[in-house]
């Protein structure tokens, strides 16, 4: 009878150790998932940017004020995830090619 009690006690200690380890790993996975979710939401909110103005689309398109283009002579127009993105260029691609030795 005493040997059975020792074996059951040893089995309970093993179960508690293994269960504690699984709870620790599972808890760490949940915390990591929540942290990554916050980072992804923050990145998505920053990517949306601030609303600067609204414009009416005419038959020729939309006029963007030069002040919003940071003094650039050219802009890249990209389409990403169903949105249009205007990227002001510091200098034109032709000027970059001419400057290379």
N, C-alpha and C. Protein backbone atom coordinates (compact mmCIF):
# COMPACT_ATOMS: atom_id res chain seq x y z
N UNK A 1 0.82 -1.20 0.00
CA UNK A 1 0.00 0.00 0.00
C UNK A 1 0.86 1.26 0.00
N UNK A 2 1.93 1.21 0.75
CA UNK A 2 2.82 2.36 0.83
C UNK A 2 3.50 2.62 -0.51
N UNK A 3 3.85 1.58 -1.24
CA UNK A 3 4.49 1.72 -2.54
C UNK A 3 3.52 2.35 -3.54
N UNK A 4 2.24 2.00 -3.42
CA UNK A 4 1.24 2.59 -4.30
C UNK A 4 1.11 4.07 -4.01
N UNK A 5 1.15 4.48 -2.78
CA UNK A 5 1.06 5.89 -2.41
C UNK A 5 2.24 6.68 -2.94
N UNK A 6 3.41 6.10 -2.90
CA UNK A 6 4.60 6.77 -3.40
C UNK A 6 4.49 6.95 -4.91
N UNK A 7 4.02 5.88 -5.59
CA UNK A 7 3.87 5.96 -7.04
C UNK A 7 2.83 7.00 -7.45
N UNK A 8 1.73 7.07 -6.72
CA UNK A 8 0.70 8.05 -7.04
C UNK A 8 1.23 9.46 -6.77
N UNK A 9 1.96 9.63 -5.69
CA UNK A 9 2.55 10.93 -5.39
C UNK A 9 3.55 11.36 -6.45
N UNK A 10 4.37 10.42 -6.91
CA UNK A 10 5.34 10.71 -7.96
C UNK A 10 4.62 11.07 -9.25
N UNK A 11 3.54 10.37 -9.58
CA UNK A 11 2.75 10.65 -10.77
C UNK A 11 2.10 12.03 -10.68
N UNK A 12 1.57 12.40 -9.53
CA UNK A 12 0.97 13.73 -9.35
C UNK A 12 2.02 14.84 -9.51
N UNK A 13 3.22 14.62 -8.99
CA UNK A 13 4.28 15.62 -9.14
C UNK A 13 4.63 15.79 -10.61
N UNK A 14 4.73 14.69 -11.35
CA UNK A 14 5.02 14.77 -12.78
C UNK A 14 3.90 15.51 -13.52
N UNK A 15 2.67 15.22 -13.21
CA UNK A 15 1.53 15.89 -13.87
C UNK A 15 1.54 17.37 -13.56
N UNK A 16 1.79 17.74 -12.32
CA UNK A 16 1.83 19.15 -11.95
C UNK A 16 2.98 19.88 -12.64
N UNK A 17 4.14 19.24 -12.73
CA UNK A 17 5.27 19.87 -13.41
C UNK A 17 4.99 20.05 -14.90
N UNK A 18 4.48 19.01 -15.53
CA UNK A 18 4.17 19.09 -16.96
C UNK A 18 3.04 20.08 -17.21
N UNK A 19 2.01 20.05 -16.38
CA UNK A 19 0.90 20.99 -16.52
C UNK A 19 1.34 22.43 -16.31
N UNK A 20 2.20 22.65 -15.32
CA UNK A 20 2.71 24.00 -15.09
C UNK A 20 3.52 24.50 -16.27
N UNK A 21 4.34 23.61 -16.85
CA UNK A 21 5.13 23.99 -18.01
C UNK A 21 4.22 24.33 -19.19
N UNK A 22 3.19 23.51 -19.42
CA UNK A 22 2.27 23.78 -20.53
C UNK A 22 1.51 25.09 -20.32
N UNK A 23 1.11 25.37 -19.09
CA UNK A 23 0.44 26.64 -18.80
C UNK A 23 1.38 27.82 -19.03
N UNK A 24 2.64 27.66 -18.66
CA UNK A 24 3.62 28.72 -18.86
C UNK A 24 3.84 28.99 -20.35
N UNK A 25 4.01 27.93 -21.13
CA UNK A 25 4.23 28.09 -22.57
C UNK A 25 2.97 28.66 -23.24
N UNK A 26 1.81 28.15 -22.87
CA UNK A 26 0.55 28.65 -23.44
C UNK A 26 0.32 30.11 -23.09
N UNK A 27 0.61 30.49 -21.85
CA UNK A 27 0.46 31.88 -21.45
C UNK A 27 1.40 32.79 -22.20
N UNK A 28 2.64 32.33 -22.41
CA UNK A 28 3.60 33.12 -23.18
C UNK A 28 3.12 33.29 -24.61
N UNK A 29 2.54 32.23 -25.20
CA UNK A 29 2.04 32.32 -26.57
C UNK A 29 0.88 33.31 -26.66
N UNK A 30 0.00 33.31 -25.68
CA UNK A 30 -1.13 34.24 -25.68
C UNK A 30 -0.63 35.67 -25.54
N UNK A 31 0.31 35.91 -24.64
CA UNK A 31 0.86 37.26 -24.47
C UNK A 31 1.57 37.74 -25.73
N UNK A 32 2.31 36.86 -26.39
CA UNK A 32 2.99 37.22 -27.63
C UNK A 32 1.97 37.56 -28.72
N UNK A 33 0.91 36.78 -28.82
CA UNK A 33 -0.13 37.05 -29.82
C UNK A 33 -0.80 38.40 -29.57
N UNK A 34 -1.09 38.71 -28.32
CA UNK A 34 -1.72 40.00 -28.00
C UNK A 34 -0.77 41.15 -28.31
N UNK A 35 0.52 40.99 -27.99
CA UNK A 35 1.51 42.03 -28.27
C UNK A 35 1.64 42.27 -29.76
N UNK A 36 1.72 41.21 -30.55
CA UNK A 36 1.84 41.35 -32.00
C UNK A 36 0.57 41.98 -32.58
N UNK A 37 -0.59 41.64 -32.03
CA UNK A 37 -1.83 42.26 -32.48
C UNK A 37 -1.82 43.77 -32.27
N UNK A 38 -1.30 44.20 -31.13
CA UNK A 38 -1.20 45.65 -30.86
C UNK A 38 -0.27 46.32 -31.85
N UNK A 39 0.86 45.68 -32.13
CA UNK A 39 1.82 46.26 -33.07
C UNK A 39 1.20 46.37 -34.45
N UNK A 40 0.50 45.32 -34.89
CA UNK A 40 -0.11 45.35 -36.22
C UNK A 40 -1.20 46.41 -36.31
N UNK A 41 -2.01 46.55 -35.26
CA UNK A 41 -3.05 47.59 -35.28
C UNK A 41 -2.43 48.97 -35.30
N UNK A 42 -1.36 49.18 -34.52
CA UNK A 42 -0.70 50.48 -34.49
C UNK A 42 -0.10 50.81 -35.85
N UNK A 43 0.54 49.82 -36.49
CA UNK A 43 1.12 50.03 -37.81
C UNK A 43 0.04 50.35 -38.83
N UNK A 44 -1.08 49.67 -38.76
CA UNK A 44 -2.18 49.92 -39.69
C UNK A 44 -2.74 51.32 -39.50
N UNK A 45 -2.90 51.76 -38.25
CA UNK A 45 -3.42 53.10 -37.98
C UNK A 45 -2.45 54.16 -38.46
N UNK A 46 -1.15 53.95 -38.29
CA UNK A 46 -0.17 54.92 -38.76
C UNK A 46 -0.12 54.97 -40.27
N UNK A 47 -0.35 53.84 -40.92
CA UNK A 47 -0.33 53.79 -42.39
C UNK A 47 -1.50 54.57 -42.99
N UNK A 48 -2.60 54.68 -42.25
CA UNK A 48 -3.75 55.42 -42.76
C UNK A 48 -3.48 56.91 -42.80
N UNK A 49 -2.67 57.40 -41.90
CA UNK A 49 -2.31 58.82 -41.90
C UNK A 49 -3.43 59.71 -41.40
N UNK A 50 -3.15 61.01 -41.42
CA UNK A 50 -4.10 62.02 -40.98
C UNK A 50 -4.85 62.57 -42.19
N UNK A 51 -6.11 62.93 -41.98
CA UNK A 51 -6.91 63.54 -43.04
C UNK A 51 -6.50 64.99 -43.20
N UNK A 52 -5.96 65.36 -44.36
CA UNK A 52 -5.53 66.73 -44.61
C UNK A 52 -6.60 67.53 -45.32
N UNK A 53 -7.30 66.91 -46.25
CA UNK A 53 -8.32 67.63 -47.00
C UNK A 53 -9.18 66.62 -47.76
N UNK A 54 -10.31 67.09 -48.23
CA UNK A 54 -11.12 66.32 -49.17
C UNK A 54 -11.24 67.13 -50.45
N UNK A 55 -11.33 66.44 -51.57
CA UNK A 55 -11.39 67.13 -52.86
C UNK A 55 -12.46 66.48 -53.72
N UNK A 56 -13.03 67.28 -54.61
CA UNK A 56 -14.04 66.80 -55.54
C UNK A 56 -13.34 66.31 -56.80
N UNK A 57 -13.74 65.13 -57.27
CA UNK A 57 -13.17 64.57 -58.48
C UNK A 57 -13.93 65.14 -59.67
N UNK A 58 -13.22 65.86 -60.52
CA UNK A 58 -13.82 66.44 -61.71
C UNK A 58 -13.57 65.56 -62.92
N UNK A 59 -13.93 66.02 -64.10
CA UNK A 59 -13.71 65.21 -65.29
C UNK A 59 -12.23 65.00 -65.61
N UNK A 60 -11.38 65.92 -65.15
CA UNK A 60 -9.93 65.78 -65.39
C UNK A 60 -9.20 65.13 -64.21
N UNK A 61 -9.88 64.82 -63.15
CA UNK A 61 -9.25 64.20 -61.98
C UNK A 61 -9.33 65.10 -60.77
N UNK A 62 -8.29 65.07 -59.94
CA UNK A 62 -8.25 65.83 -58.69
C UNK A 62 -7.02 66.73 -58.70
N UNK A 63 -7.19 67.94 -58.21
CA UNK A 63 -6.08 68.89 -58.09
C UNK A 63 -5.54 68.81 -56.66
N UNK A 64 -4.24 68.54 -56.53
CA UNK A 64 -3.59 68.46 -55.22
C UNK A 64 -2.78 69.72 -55.01
N UNK A 65 -2.98 70.45 -53.90
CA UNK A 65 -2.21 71.67 -53.67
C UNK A 65 -0.71 71.39 -53.60
N UNK A 66 0.09 72.29 -54.18
CA UNK A 66 1.54 72.12 -54.22
C UNK A 66 2.15 72.11 -52.83
N UNK A 67 1.53 72.79 -51.89
CA UNK A 67 2.05 72.83 -50.52
C UNK A 67 2.08 71.45 -49.86
N UNK A 68 1.22 70.55 -50.30
CA UNK A 68 1.20 69.20 -49.74
C UNK A 68 2.26 68.30 -50.36
N UNK A 69 2.91 68.74 -51.42
CA UNK A 69 3.87 67.91 -52.12
C UNK A 69 5.31 68.21 -51.73
N UNK A 70 5.52 68.98 -50.71
CA UNK A 70 6.84 69.26 -50.14
C UNK A 70 7.81 69.83 -51.17
N UNK A 71 7.34 70.66 -52.09
CA UNK A 71 8.20 71.32 -53.05
C UNK A 71 8.78 70.41 -54.12
N UNK A 72 8.25 69.23 -54.29
CA UNK A 72 8.77 68.28 -55.28
C UNK A 72 8.29 68.65 -56.67
N UNK A 73 9.12 68.31 -57.65
CA UNK A 73 8.75 68.52 -59.05
C UNK A 73 7.97 67.33 -59.60
N UNK A 74 8.17 66.14 -59.02
CA UNK A 74 7.49 64.94 -59.48
C UNK A 74 6.96 64.15 -58.30
N UNK A 75 5.92 63.38 -58.56
CA UNK A 75 5.38 62.46 -57.55
C UNK A 75 5.18 61.09 -58.19
N UNK A 76 5.31 60.07 -57.37
CA UNK A 76 4.94 58.73 -57.80
C UNK A 76 3.51 58.50 -57.35
N UNK A 77 2.71 57.90 -58.20
CA UNK A 77 1.34 57.55 -57.85
C UNK A 77 1.28 56.03 -57.80
N UNK A 78 0.96 55.52 -56.63
CA UNK A 78 0.91 54.06 -56.43
C UNK A 78 -0.48 53.67 -55.96
N UNK A 79 -0.83 52.43 -56.23
CA UNK A 79 -2.09 51.89 -55.74
C UNK A 79 -1.76 50.71 -54.84
N UNK A 80 -2.14 50.83 -53.56
CA UNK A 80 -1.86 49.79 -52.58
C UNK A 80 -3.12 49.51 -51.79
N UNK A 81 -3.52 48.27 -51.76
CA UNK A 81 -4.66 47.82 -50.97
C UNK A 81 -5.91 48.65 -51.25
N UNK A 82 -6.14 48.96 -52.53
CA UNK A 82 -7.34 49.70 -52.91
C UNK A 82 -7.26 51.19 -52.62
N UNK A 83 -6.08 51.70 -52.29
CA UNK A 83 -5.92 53.13 -52.00
C UNK A 83 -4.89 53.70 -52.96
N UNK A 84 -5.02 54.99 -53.25
CA UNK A 84 -4.02 55.69 -54.06
C UNK A 84 -3.04 56.36 -53.12
N UNK A 85 -1.77 56.27 -53.45
CA UNK A 85 -0.72 56.82 -52.63
C UNK A 85 0.14 57.74 -53.48
N UNK A 86 0.25 59.01 -53.07
CA UNK A 86 1.12 59.97 -53.75
C UNK A 86 2.42 60.08 -52.96
N UNK A 87 3.54 59.82 -53.62
CA UNK A 87 4.84 59.88 -52.96
C UNK A 87 5.67 60.97 -53.64
N UNK A 88 5.89 62.11 -52.97
CA UNK A 88 6.72 63.17 -53.55
C UNK A 88 8.16 62.68 -53.73
N UNK A 89 8.75 62.97 -54.88
CA UNK A 89 10.14 62.60 -55.15
C UNK A 89 11.03 63.81 -54.92
N UNK A 90 12.16 63.60 -54.29
CA UNK A 90 13.09 64.69 -54.01
C UNK A 90 13.71 65.21 -55.30
N UNK A 91 14.04 64.29 -56.19
CA UNK A 91 14.58 64.67 -57.49
C UNK A 91 14.08 63.65 -58.50
N UNK A 92 14.10 64.00 -59.73
CA UNK A 92 13.55 63.12 -60.75
C UNK A 92 14.48 61.94 -61.00
N UNK A 93 13.96 60.79 -61.45
CA UNK A 93 14.81 59.63 -61.73
C UNK A 93 15.85 59.91 -62.82
N UNK A 94 15.57 60.80 -63.78
CA UNK A 94 16.54 61.12 -64.81
C UNK A 94 17.76 61.82 -64.22
N UNK A 95 17.53 62.71 -63.24
CA UNK A 95 18.64 63.42 -62.60
C UNK A 95 19.51 62.45 -61.82
N UNK A 96 18.92 61.43 -61.20
CA UNK A 96 19.69 60.45 -60.45
C UNK A 96 20.61 59.68 -61.39
N UNK A 97 20.12 59.29 -62.56
CA UNK A 97 20.93 58.53 -63.50
C UNK A 97 22.08 59.37 -64.04
N UNK A 98 21.86 60.69 -64.25
CA UNK A 98 22.90 61.56 -64.79
C UNK A 98 24.02 61.79 -63.80
N UNK A 99 23.71 61.75 -62.49
CA UNK A 99 24.70 62.03 -61.46
C UNK A 99 25.64 60.86 -61.21
N UNK A 100 25.29 59.65 -61.63
CA UNK A 100 26.15 58.49 -61.33
C UNK A 100 27.36 58.50 -62.26
N UNK A 101 28.58 58.27 -61.68
CA UNK A 101 29.79 58.28 -62.50
C UNK A 101 29.94 57.02 -63.34
